[in-house]
């Protein structure tokens, strides 16, 4: 099955369990093919600085998306690590990095 079908099944289960209003679904695709992969109309592939190696489809959905942002589009550049503070906040945690064990020193 392709990812659309699997994602739909996940969404339906979450809705059936009445959890959708407390859900933030984040989907981010891989960043294009490599070697014989087809990234048309973008130039390049993984491991390059061309758009075919950098751009990827992504979206957010769920009941936790503010009404004013639903149905909108963004062209911001983000990295998956940029989501950390959002996830920490939703979990009721601080995004500050206060490790319980100090990092190793060289």
PDB file of N, CA and C in Angstrom:
ATOM      1  N   UNK A   1       0.839  -1.194   0.000  1.00  0.00           N
ATOM      2  CA  UNK A   1       0.000   0.000   0.000  1.00  0.00           C
ATOM      3  C   UNK A   1       0.867   1.234   0.000  1.00  0.00           C
ATOM      4  N   UNK A   2       0.354   2.271  -0.559  1.00  0.00           N
ATOM      5  CA  UNK A   2       1.150   3.494  -0.551  1.00  0.00           C
ATOM      6  C   UNK A   2       0.865   4.324   0.696  1.00  0.00           C
ATOM      7  N   UNK A   3       1.675   5.335   0.895  1.00  0.00           N
ATOM      8  CA  UNK A   3       1.598   6.114   2.134  1.00  0.00           C
ATOM      9  C   UNK A   3       0.252   6.811   2.307  1.00  0.00           C
ATOM     10  N   UNK A   4      -0.420   7.199   1.217  1.00  0.00           N
ATOM     11  CA  UNK A   4      -1.734   7.840   1.348  1.00  0.00           C
ATOM     12  C   UNK A   4      -2.729   6.926   2.048  1.00  0.00           C
ATOM     13  N   UNK A   5      -2.737   5.662   1.669  1.00  0.00           N
ATOM     14  CA  UNK A   5      -3.671   4.714   2.277  1.00  0.00           C
ATOM     15  C   UNK A   5      -3.353   4.485   3.749  1.00  0.00           C
ATOM     16  N   UNK A   6      -2.070   4.314   4.069  1.00  0.00           N
ATOM     17  CA  UNK A   6      -1.682   4.084   5.459  1.00  0.00           C
ATOM     18  C   UNK A   6      -1.996   5.303   6.315  1.00  0.00           C
ATOM     19  N   UNK A   7      -1.700   6.469   5.803  1.00  0.00           N
ATOM     20  CA  UNK A   7      -1.969   7.682   6.559  1.00  0.00           C
ATOM     21  C   UNK A   7      -3.467   7.839   6.801  1.00  0.00           C
ATOM     22  N   UNK A   8      -4.274   7.548   5.799  1.00  0.00           N
ATOM     23  CA  UNK A   8      -5.726   7.629   5.960  1.00  0.00           C
ATOM     24  C   UNK A   8      -6.207   6.660   7.042  1.00  0.00           C
ATOM     25  N   UNK A   9      -5.650   5.459   7.073  1.00  0.00           N
ATOM     26  CA  UNK A   9      -6.048   4.490   8.093  1.00  0.00           C
ATOM     27  C   UNK A   9      -5.703   4.992   9.492  1.00  0.00           C
ATOM     28  N   UNK A  10      -4.530   5.587   9.629  1.00  0.00           N
ATOM     29  CA  UNK A  10      -4.126   6.138  10.932  1.00  0.00           C
ATOM     30  C   UNK A  10      -5.083   7.242  11.362  1.00  0.00           C
ATOM     31  N   UNK A  11      -5.390   8.158  10.456  1.00  0.00           N
ATOM     32  CA  UNK A  11      -6.290   9.272  10.765  1.00  0.00           C
ATOM     33  C   UNK A  11      -7.665   8.747  11.166  1.00  0.00           C
ATOM     34  N   UNK A  12      -8.175   7.756  10.444  1.00  0.00           N
ATOM     35  CA  UNK A  12      -9.497   7.215  10.762  1.00  0.00           C
ATOM     36  C   UNK A  12      -9.533   6.571  12.144  1.00  0.00           C
ATOM     37  N   UNK A  13      -8.480   5.854  12.523  1.00  0.00           N
ATOM     38  CA  UNK A  13      -8.420   5.233  13.851  1.00  0.00           C
ATOM     39  C   UNK A  13      -8.378   6.316  14.934  1.00  0.00           C
ATOM     40  N   UNK A  14      -7.563   7.346  14.713  1.00  0.00           N
ATOM     41  CA  UNK A  14      -7.460   8.435  15.706  1.00  0.00           C
ATOM     42  C   UNK A  14      -8.817   9.131  15.857  1.00  0.00           C
ATOM     43  N   UNK A  15      -9.499   9.367  14.745  1.00  0.00           N
ATOM     44  CA  UNK A  15     -10.821  10.007  14.806  1.00  0.00           C
ATOM     45  C   UNK A  15     -11.844   9.098  15.480  1.00  0.00           C
ATOM     46  N   UNK A  16     -11.815   7.819  15.152  1.00  0.00           N
ATOM     47  CA  UNK A  16     -12.751   6.863  15.747  1.00  0.00           C
ATOM     48  C   UNK A  16     -12.582   6.806  17.263  1.00  0.00           C
ATOM     49  N   UNK A  17     -11.348   6.943  17.719  1.00  0.00           N
ATOM     50  CA  UNK A  17     -11.067   6.920  19.161  1.00  0.00           C
ATOM     51  C   UNK A  17     -11.256   8.284  19.808  1.00  0.00           C
ATOM     52  N   UNK A  18     -11.779   9.231  19.027  1.00  0.00           N
ATOM     53  CA  UNK A  18     -12.068  10.587  19.513  1.00  0.00           C
ATOM     54  C   UNK A  18     -10.823  11.292  20.051  1.00  0.00           C
ATOM     55  N   UNK A  19      -9.697  11.085  19.372  1.00  0.00           N
ATOM     56  CA  UNK A  19      -8.433  11.688  19.776  1.00  0.00           C
ATOM     57  C   UNK A  19      -7.977  12.788  18.810  1.00  0.00           C
ATOM     58  N   UNK A  20      -8.706  12.997  17.707  1.00  0.00           N
ATOM     59  CA  UNK A  20      -8.278  13.923  16.656  1.00  0.00           C
ATOM     60  C   UNK A  20      -8.110  15.344  17.163  1.00  0.00           C
ATOM     61  N   UNK A  21      -9.009  15.800  18.043  1.00  0.00           N
ATOM     62  CA  UNK A  21      -8.936  17.179  18.528  1.00  0.00           C
ATOM     63  C   UNK A  21      -7.700  17.439  19.380  1.00  0.00           C
ATOM     64  N   UNK A  22      -7.059  16.383  19.836  1.00  0.00           N
ATOM     65  CA  UNK A  22      -5.852  16.524  20.660  1.00  0.00           C
ATOM     66  C   UNK A  22      -4.634  15.974  19.915  1.00  0.00           C
ATOM     67  N   UNK A  23      -4.676  16.062  18.583  1.00  0.00           N
ATOM     68  CA  UNK A  23      -3.625  15.488  17.740  1.00  0.00           C
ATOM     69  C   UNK A  23      -2.953  16.550  16.886  1.00  0.00           C
ATOM     70  N   UNK A  24      -1.639  16.451  16.776  1.00  0.00           N
ATOM     71  CA  UNK A  24      -0.883  17.220  15.793  1.00  0.00           C
ATOM     72  C   UNK A  24      -0.174  16.188  14.923  1.00  0.00           C
ATOM     73  N   UNK A  25      -0.630  16.054  13.696  1.00  0.00           N
ATOM     74  CA  UNK A  25      -0.055  15.104  12.755  1.00  0.00           C
ATOM     75  C   UNK A  25       0.952  15.849  11.891  1.00  0.00           C
ATOM     76  N   UNK A  26       2.190  15.418  11.924  1.00  0.00           N
ATOM     77  CA  UNK A  26       3.254  16.028  11.129  1.00  0.00           C
ATOM     78  C   UNK A  26       3.740  14.992  10.136  1.00  0.00           C
ATOM     79  N   UNK A  27       3.671  15.329   8.854  1.00  0.00           N
ATOM     80  CA  UNK A  27       4.126  14.424   7.799  1.00  0.00           C
ATOM     81  C   UNK A  27       5.212  15.131   7.008  1.00  0.00           C
ATOM     82  N   UNK A  28       6.335  14.476   6.849  1.00  0.00           N
ATOM     83  CA  UNK A  28       7.419  15.034   6.053  1.00  0.00           C
ATOM     84  C   UNK A  28       7.972  13.925   5.171  1.00  0.00           C
ATOM     85  N   UNK A  29       8.002  14.187   3.884  1.00  0.00           N
ATOM     86  CA  UNK A  29       8.499  13.205   2.930  1.00  0.00           C
ATOM     87  C   UNK A  29      10.017  13.183   2.920  1.00  0.00           C
ATOM     88  N   UNK A  30      10.543  12.151   2.333  1.00  0.00           N
ATOM     89  CA  UNK A  30      11.978  12.049   2.111  1.00  0.00           C
ATOM     90  C   UNK A  30      12.354  13.107   1.061  1.00  0.00           C
ATOM     91  N   UNK A  31      13.611  13.451   0.970  1.00  0.00           N
ATOM     92  CA  UNK A  31      14.012  14.545   0.084  1.00  0.00           C
ATOM     93  C   UNK A  31      14.476  14.079  -1.297  1.00  0.00           C
ATOM     94  N   UNK A  32      13.626  13.379  -1.999  1.00  0.00           N
ATOM     95  CA  UNK A  32      13.896  13.052  -3.393  1.00  0.00           C
ATOM     96  C   UNK A  32      14.682  11.788  -3.629  1.00  0.00           C
ATOM     97  N   UNK A  33      14.733  11.420  -4.897  1.00  0.00           N
ATOM     98  CA  UNK A  33      15.424  10.203  -5.309  1.00  0.00           C
ATOM     99  C   UNK A  33      16.924  10.402  -5.397  1.00  0.00           C
ATOM    100  N   UNK A  34      17.608   9.304  -5.597  1.00  0.00           N
ATOM    101  CA  UNK A  34      19.053   9.323  -5.733  1.00  0.00           C
ATOM    102  C   UNK A  34      19.427   8.500  -6.958  1.00  0.00           C
ATOM    103  N   UNK A  35      20.496   8.861  -7.616  1.00  0.00           N
ATOM    104  CA  UNK A  35      20.982   8.223  -8.839  1.00  0.00           C
ATOM    105  C   UNK A  35      19.896   8.226  -9.912  1.00  0.00           C
ATOM    106  N   UNK A  36      19.192   7.130 -10.120  1.00  0.00           N
ATOM    107  CA  UNK A  36      18.180   7.059 -11.178  1.00  0.00           C
ATOM    108  C   UNK A  36      16.823   7.582 -10.709  1.00  0.00           C
ATOM    109  N   UNK A  37      16.750   8.148  -9.496  1.00  0.00           N
ATOM    110  CA  UNK A  37      15.490   8.677  -8.989  1.00  0.00           C
ATOM    111  C   UNK A  37      15.019   9.863  -9.806  1.00  0.00           C
ATOM    112  N   UNK A  38      13.718  10.079  -9.840  1.00  0.00           N
ATOM    113  CA  UNK A  38      13.136  11.151 -10.640  1.00  0.00           C
ATOM    114  C   UNK A  38      12.617  12.241  -9.724  1.00  0.00           C
ATOM    115  N   UNK A  39      13.240  13.400  -9.757  1.00  0.00           N
ATOM    116  CA  UNK A  39      12.816  14.545  -8.953  1.00  0.00           C
ATOM    117  C   UNK A  39      12.222  15.649  -9.819  1.00  0.00           C
ATOM    118  N   UNK A  40      11.873  15.318 -11.048  1.00  0.00           N
ATOM    119  CA  UNK A  40      11.326  16.294 -11.981  1.00  0.00           C
ATOM    120  C   UNK A  40      10.152  17.006 -11.349  1.00  0.00           C
ATOM    121  N   UNK A  41      10.022  18.296 -11.473  1.00  0.00           N
ATOM    122  CA  UNK A  41      10.792  19.218 -12.307  1.00  0.00           C
ATOM    123  C   UNK A  41      11.991  19.828 -11.600  1.00  0.00           C
ATOM    124  N   UNK A  42      12.333  19.334 -10.430  1.00  0.00           N
ATOM    125  CA  UNK A  42      13.457  19.887  -9.684  1.00  0.00           C
ATOM    126  C   UNK A  42      14.777  19.292 -10.164  1.00  0.00           C
ATOM    127  N   UNK A  43      15.818  20.085 -10.090  1.00  0.00           N
ATOM    128  CA  UNK A  43      17.153  19.648 -10.486  1.00  0.00           C
ATOM    129  C   UNK A  43      17.861  19.027  -9.288  1.00  0.00           C
ATOM    130  N   UNK A  44      18.640  17.990  -9.529  1.00  0.00           N
ATOM    131  CA  UNK A  44      19.451  17.407  -8.474  1.00  0.00           C
ATOM    132  C   UNK A  44      18.789  16.236  -7.784  1.00  0.00           C
ATOM    133  N   UNK A  45      19.484  15.712  -6.798  1.00  0.00           N
ATOM    134  CA  UNK A  45      19.025  14.550  -6.047  1.00  0.00           C
ATOM    135  C   UNK A  45      19.560  14.644  -4.629  1.00  0.00           C
ATOM    136  N   UNK A  46      19.313  13.612  -3.827  1.00  0.00           N
ATOM    137  CA  UNK A  46      19.856  13.594  -2.468  1.00  0.00           C
ATOM    138  C   UNK A  46      21.349  13.873  -2.494  1.00  0.00           C
ATOM    139  N   UNK A  47      21.834  14.449  -1.438  1.00  0.00           N
ATOM    140  CA  UNK A  47      23.261  14.742  -1.266  1.00  0.00           C
ATOM    141  C   UNK A  47      23.752  15.847  -2.201  1.00  0.00           C
ATOM    142  N   UNK A  48      22.828  16.635  -2.772  1.00  0.00           N
ATOM    143  CA  UNK A  48      23.220  17.793  -3.575  1.00  0.00           C
ATOM    144  C   UNK A  48      22.569  19.027  -2.966  1.00  0.00           C
ATOM    145  N   UNK A  49      23.057  20.190  -3.370  1.00  0.00           N
ATOM    146  CA  UNK A  49      22.468  21.434  -2.891  1.00  0.00           C
ATOM    147  C   UNK A  49      21.409  21.983  -3.842  1.00  0.00           C
ATOM    148  N   UNK A  50      21.054  21.222  -4.859  1.00  0.00           N
ATOM    149  CA  UNK A  50      19.988  21.634  -5.763  1.00  0.00           C
ATOM    150  C   UNK A  50      18.638  21.345  -5.108  1.00  0.00           C
ATOM    151  N   UNK A  51      17.573  21.953  -5.651  1.00  0.00           N
ATOM    152  CA  UNK A  51      16.249  21.791  -5.051  1.00  0.00           C
ATOM    153  C   UNK A  51      15.811  20.332  -4.971  1.00  0.00           C
ATOM    154  N   UNK A  52      16.178  19.507  -5.935  1.00  0.00           N
ATOM    155  CA  UNK A  52      15.803  18.101  -5.910  1.00  0.00           C
ATOM    156  C   UNK A  52      16.406  17.348  -4.737  1.00  0.00           C
ATOM    157  N   UNK A  53      17.446  17.888  -4.151  1.00  0.00           N
ATOM    158  CA  UNK A  53      18.067  17.263  -2.996  1.00  0.00           C
ATOM    159  C   UNK A  53      17.693  17.915  -1.684  1.00  0.00           C
ATOM    160  N   UNK A  54      16.976  19.032  -1.758  1.00  0.00           N
ATOM    161  CA  UNK A  54      16.670  19.778  -0.540  1.00  0.00           C
ATOM    162  C   UNK A  54      15.175  19.877  -0.248  1.00  0.00           C
ATOM    163  N   UNK A  55      14.361  19.998  -1.273  1.00  0.00           N
ATOM    164  CA  UNK A  55      12.928  20.200  -1.074  1.00  0.00           C
ATOM    165  C   UNK A  55      12.218  18.887  -0.813  1.00  0.00           C
ATOM    166  N   UNK A  56      11.230  18.933   0.048  1.00  0.00           N
ATOM    167  CA  UNK A  56      10.405  17.766   0.320  1.00  0.00           C
ATOM    168  C   UNK A  56       9.004  18.242   0.693  1.00  0.00           C
ATOM    169  N   UNK A  57       8.021  17.461   0.320  1.00  0.00           N
ATOM    170  CA  UNK A  57       6.650  17.783   0.690  1.00  0.00           C
ATOM    171  C   UNK A  57       6.455  17.518   2.175  1.00  0.00           C
ATOM    172  N   UNK A  58       5.687  18.373   2.812  1.00  0.00           N
ATOM    173  CA  UNK A  58       5.386  18.199   4.227  1.00  0.00           C
ATOM    174  C   UNK A  58       4.066  18.885   4.525  1.00  0.00           C
ATOM    175  N   UNK A  59       3.383  18.402   5.563  1.00  0.00           N
ATOM    176  CA  UNK A  59       2.170  19.077   6.001  1.00  0.00           C
ATOM    177  C   UNK A  59       1.902  18.748   7.461  1.00  0.00           C
ATOM    178  N   UNK A  60       1.071  19.580   8.070  1.00  0.00           N
ATOM    179  CA  UNK A  60       0.591  19.315   9.423  1.00  0.00           C
ATOM    180  C   UNK A  60      -0.928  19.323   9.390  1.00  0.00           C
ATOM    181  N   UNK A  61      -1.515  18.536  10.253  1.00  0.00           N
ATOM    182  CA  UNK A  61      -2.972  18.447  10.328  1.00  0.00           C
ATOM    183  C   UNK A  61      -3.342  18.063  11.753  1.00  0.00           C
ATOM    184  N   UNK A  62      -4.622  18.017  12.014  1.00  0.00           N
ATOM    185  CA  UNK A  62      -5.100  17.604  13.331  1.00  0.00           C
ATOM    186  C   UNK A  62      -5.782  18.735  14.057  1.00  0.00           C
ATOM    187  N   UNK A  63      -6.457  18.375  15.119  1.00  0.00           N
ATOM    188  CA  UNK A  63      -7.228  19.338  15.889  1.00  0.00           C
ATOM    189  C   UNK A  63      -6.403  20.383  16.605  1.00  0.00           C
ATOM    190  N   UNK A  64      -5.115  20.128  16.806  1.00  0.00           N
ATOM    191  CA  UNK A  64      -4.271  21.108  17.488  1.00  0.00           C
ATOM    192  C   UNK A  64      -3.768  22.223  16.570  1.00  0.00           C
ATOM    193  N   UNK A  65      -4.012  22.093  15.270  1.00  0.00           N
ATOM    194  CA  UNK A  65      -3.637  23.175  14.348  1.00  0.00           C
ATOM    195  C   UNK A  65      -4.621  24.321  14.574  1.00  0.00           C
ATOM    196  N   UNK A  66      -4.117  25.509  14.888  1.00  0.00           N
ATOM    197  CA  UNK A  66      -5.016  26.641  15.134  1.00  0.00           C
ATOM    198  C   UNK A  66      -5.913  26.918  13.923  1.00  0.00           C
ATOM    199  N   UNK A  67      -7.164  27.292  14.188  1.00  0.00           N
ATOM    200  CA  UNK A  67      -8.125  27.557  13.110  1.00  0.00           C
ATOM    201  C   UNK A  67      -7.587  28.543  12.087  1.00  0.00           C
ATOM    202  N   UNK A  68      -6.885  29.571  12.543  1.00  0.00           N
ATOM    203  CA  UNK A  68      -6.400  30.605  11.622  1.00  0.00           C
ATOM    204  C   UNK A  68      -5.345  30.074  10.648  1.00  0.00           C
ATOM    205  N   UNK A  69      -4.716  28.930  10.971  1.00  0.00           N
ATOM    206  CA  UNK A  69      -3.684  28.366  10.106  1.00  0.00           C
ATOM    207  C   UNK A  69      -4.187  27.233   9.219  1.00  0.00           C
ATOM    208  N   UNK A  70      -5.364  26.725   9.495  1.00  0.00           N
ATOM    209  CA  UNK A  70      -5.898  25.614   8.698  1.00  0.00           C
ATOM    210  C   UNK A  70      -6.141  26.052   7.261  1.00  0.00           C
ATOM    211  N   UNK A  71      -5.706  25.217   6.339  1.00  0.00           N
ATOM    212  CA  UNK A  71      -5.893  25.508   4.918  1.00  0.00           C
ATOM    213  C   UNK A  71      -4.899  26.505   4.350  1.00  0.00           C
ATOM    214  N   UNK A  72      -3.915  26.920   5.139  1.00  0.00           N
ATOM    215  CA  UNK A  72      -2.927  27.875   4.640  1.00  0.00           C
ATOM    216  C   UNK A  72      -1.696  27.128   4.141  1.00  0.00           C
ATOM    217  N   UNK A  73      -0.814  27.874   3.520  1.00  0.00           N
ATOM    218  CA  UNK A  73       0.399  27.303   2.944  1.00  0.00           C
ATOM    219  C   UNK A  73       1.596  28.130   3.399  1.00  0.00           C
ATOM    220  N   UNK A  74       2.733  27.475   3.556  1.00  0.00           N
ATOM    221  CA  UNK A  74       3.940  28.170   3.960  1.00  0.00           C
ATOM    222  C   UNK A  74       5.099  27.743   3.068  1.00  0.00           C
ATOM    223  N   UNK A  75       5.964  28.674   2.758  1.00  0.00           N
ATOM    224  CA  UNK A  75       7.160  28.372   1.990  1.00  0.00           C
ATOM    225  C   UNK A  75       8.416  28.496   2.852  1.00  0.00           C
ATOM    226  N   UNK A  76       8.240  28.436   4.171  1.00  0.00           N
ATOM    227  CA  UNK A  76       9.380  28.525   5.070  1.00  0.00           C
ATOM    228  C   UNK A  76      10.278  27.308   4.918  1.00  0.00           C
ATOM    229  N   UNK A  77      11.553  27.523   5.118  1.00  0.00           N
ATOM    230  CA  UNK A  77      12.507  26.416   5.121  1.00  0.00           C
ATOM    231  C   UNK A  77      12.671  25.945   6.552  1.00  0.00           C
ATOM    232  N   UNK A  78      12.484  24.663   6.766  1.00  0.00           N
ATOM    233  CA  UNK A  78      12.621  24.122   8.112  1.00  0.00           C
ATOM    234  C   UNK A  78      13.430  22.833   8.080  1.00  0.00           C
ATOM    235  N   UNK A  79      13.924  22.467   9.226  1.00  0.00           N
ATOM    236  CA  UNK A  79      14.595  21.193   9.428  1.00  0.00           C
ATOM    237  C   UNK A  79      13.756  20.431  10.443  1.00  0.00           C
ATOM    238  N   UNK A  80      13.781  19.130  10.391  1.00  0.00           N
ATOM    239  CA  UNK A  80      12.958  18.336  11.300  1.00  0.00           C
ATOM    240  C   UNK A  80      13.232  18.695  12.760  1.00  0.00           C
ATOM    241  N   UNK A  81      14.462  19.095  13.071  1.00  0.00           N
ATOM    242  CA  UNK A  81      14.794  19.477  14.453  1.00  0.00           C
ATOM    243  C   UNK A  81      14.053  20.738  14.893  1.00  0.00           C
ATOM    244  N   UNK A  82      13.573  21.529  13.938  1.00  0.00           N
ATOM    245  CA  UNK A  82      12.827  22.736  14.287  1.00  0.00           C
ATOM    246  C   UNK A  82      11.523  22.417  15.011  1.00  0.00           C
ATOM    247  N   UNK A  83      11.051  21.187  14.915  1.00  0.00           N
ATOM    248  CA  UNK A  83       9.805  20.788  15.561  1.00  0.00           C
ATOM    249  C   UNK A  83       9.973  20.514  17.051  1.00  0.00           C
ATOM    250  N   UNK A  84      11.207  20.381  17.511  1.00  0.00           N
ATOM    251  CA  UNK A  84      11.462  19.971  18.896  1.00  0.00           C
ATOM    252  C   UNK A  84      10.727  20.841  19.918  1.00  0.00           C
ATOM    253  N   UNK A  85      10.846  22.155  19.791  1.00  0.00           N
ATOM    254  CA  UNK A  85      10.222  23.033  20.786  1.00  0.00           C
ATOM    255  C   UNK A  85       8.698  22.927  20.748  1.00  0.00           C
ATOM    256  N   UNK A  86       8.130  22.723  19.555  1.00  0.00           N
ATOM    257  CA  UNK A  86       6.677  22.550  19.441  1.00  0.00           C
ATOM    258  C   UNK A  86       6.241  21.286  20.157  1.00  0.00           C
ATOM    259  N   UNK A  87       6.935  20.180  19.885  1.00  0.00           N
ATOM    260  CA  UNK A  87       6.572  18.912  20.525  1.00  0.00           C
ATOM    261  C   UNK A  87       6.758  18.983  22.037  1.00  0.00           C
ATOM    262  N   UNK A  88       7.839  19.605  22.489  1.00  0.00           N
ATOM    263  CA  UNK A  88       8.082  19.739  23.929  1.00  0.00           C
ATOM    264  C   UNK A  88       6.961  20.538  24.585  1.00  0.00           C
ATOM    265  N   UNK A  89       6.570  21.630  23.965  1.00  0.00           N
ATOM    266  CA  UNK A  89       5.508  22.466  24.505  1.00  0.00           C
ATOM    267  C   UNK A  89       4.182  21.711  24.575  1.00  0.00           C
ATOM    268  N   UNK A  90       3.839  20.990  23.523  1.00  0.00           N
ATOM    269  CA  UNK A  90       2.593  20.220  23.516  1.00  0.00           C
ATOM    270  C   UNK A  90       2.591  19.137  24.584  1.00  0.00           C
ATOM    271  N   UNK A  91       3.779  18.633  24.915  1.00  0.00           N
ATOM    272  CA  UNK A  91       3.901  17.609  25.949  1.00  0.00           C
ATOM    273  C   UNK A  91       4.001  18.225  27.344  1.00  0.00           C
ATOM    274  N   UNK A  92       3.934  19.564  27.422  1.00  0.00           N
ATOM    275  CA  UNK A  92       4.008  20.236  28.708  1.00  0.00           C
ATOM    276  C   UNK A  92       5.409  20.287  29.278  1.00  0.00           C
ATOM    277  N   UNK A  93       6.399  20.218  28.398  1.00  0.00           N
ATOM    278  CA  UNK A  93       7.793  20.206  28.837  1.00  0.00           C
ATOM    279  C   UNK A  93       8.527  21.439  28.308  1.00  0.00           C
ATOM    280  N   UNK A  94       9.606  21.771  28.961  1.00  0.00           N
ATOM    281  CA  UNK A  94      10.452  22.872  28.506  1.00  0.00           C
ATOM    282  C   UNK A  94      11.317  22.389  27.344  1.00  0.00           C
ATOM    283  N   UNK A  95      11.545  23.255  26.399  1.00  0.00           N
ATOM    284  CA  UNK A  95      12.420  22.913  25.273  1.00  0.00           C
ATOM    285  C   UNK A  95      13.888  23.175  25.623  1.00  0.00           C
ATOM    286  N   UNK A  96      14.155  23.706  26.813  1.00  0.00           N
ATOM    287  CA  UNK A  96      15.537  23.947  27.234  1.00  0.00           C
ATOM    288  C   UNK A  96      16.270  22.620  27.368  1.00  0.00           C
ATOM    289  N   UNK A  97      17.485  22.594  26.933  1.00  0.00           N
ATOM    290  CA  UNK A  97      18.273  21.365  26.974  1.00  0.00           C
ATOM    291  C   UNK A  97      19.044  21.306  28.289  1.00  0.00           C
ATOM    292  N   UNK A  98      18.420  20.732  29.289  1.00  0.00           N
ATOM    293  CA  UNK A  98      19.049  20.585  30.604  1.00  0.00           C
ATOM    294  C   UNK A  98      19.219  19.093  30.863  1.00  0.00           C
ATOM    295  N   UNK A  99      20.231  18.536  30.261  1.00  0.00           N
ATOM    296  CA  UNK A  99      20.474  17.098  30.383  1.00  0.00           C
ATOM    297  C   UNK A  99      20.743  16.721  31.834  1.00  0.00           C
ATOM    298  N   UNK A 100      20.164  15.598  32.315  1.00  0.00           N
ATOM    299  CA  UNK A 100      20.405  15.178  33.686  1.00  0.00           C
ATOM    300  C   UNK A 100      21.859  14.739  33.910  1.00  0.00           C
ATOM    301  N   UNK A 101      22.548  14.427  32.833  1.00  0.00           N
ATOM    302  CA  UNK A 101      23.962  14.026  32.924  1.00  0.00           C
ATOM    303  C   UNK A 101      24.753  14.990  32.056  1.00  0.00           C
ATOM    304  N   UNK A 102      25.801  15.562  32.578  1.00  0.00           N
ATOM    305  CA  UNK A 102      26.612  16.500  31.801  1.00  0.00           C
ATOM    306  C   UNK A 102      27.223  15.796  30.603  1.00  0.00           C
ATOM    307  N   UNK A 103      27.340  16.511  29.464  1.00  0.00           N
ATOM    308  CA  UNK A 103      27.981  15.909  28.295  1.00  0.00           C
ATOM    309  C   UNK A 103      29.438  15.547  28.579  1.00  0.00           C
ATOM    310  N   UNK A 104      29.939  14.578  27.854  1.00  0.00           N
ATOM    311  CA  UNK A 104      31.348  14.201  28.023  1.00  0.00           C
ATOM    312  C   UNK A 104      32.232  15.324  27.529  1.00  0.00           C
ATOM    313  N   UNK A 105      33.331  15.530  28.222  1.00  0.00           N
ATOM    314  CA  UNK A 105      34.273  16.570  27.805  1.00  0.00           C
ATOM    315  C   UNK A 105      35.441  15.900  27.112  1.00  0.00           C
ATOM    316  N   UNK A 106      35.923  16.538  26.024  1.00  0.00           N
ATOM    317  CA  UNK A 106      37.050  15.935  25.283  1.00  0.00           C
ATOM    318  C   UNK A 106      38.318  15.882  26.098  1.00  0.00           C
TER     319      UNK A 106
END
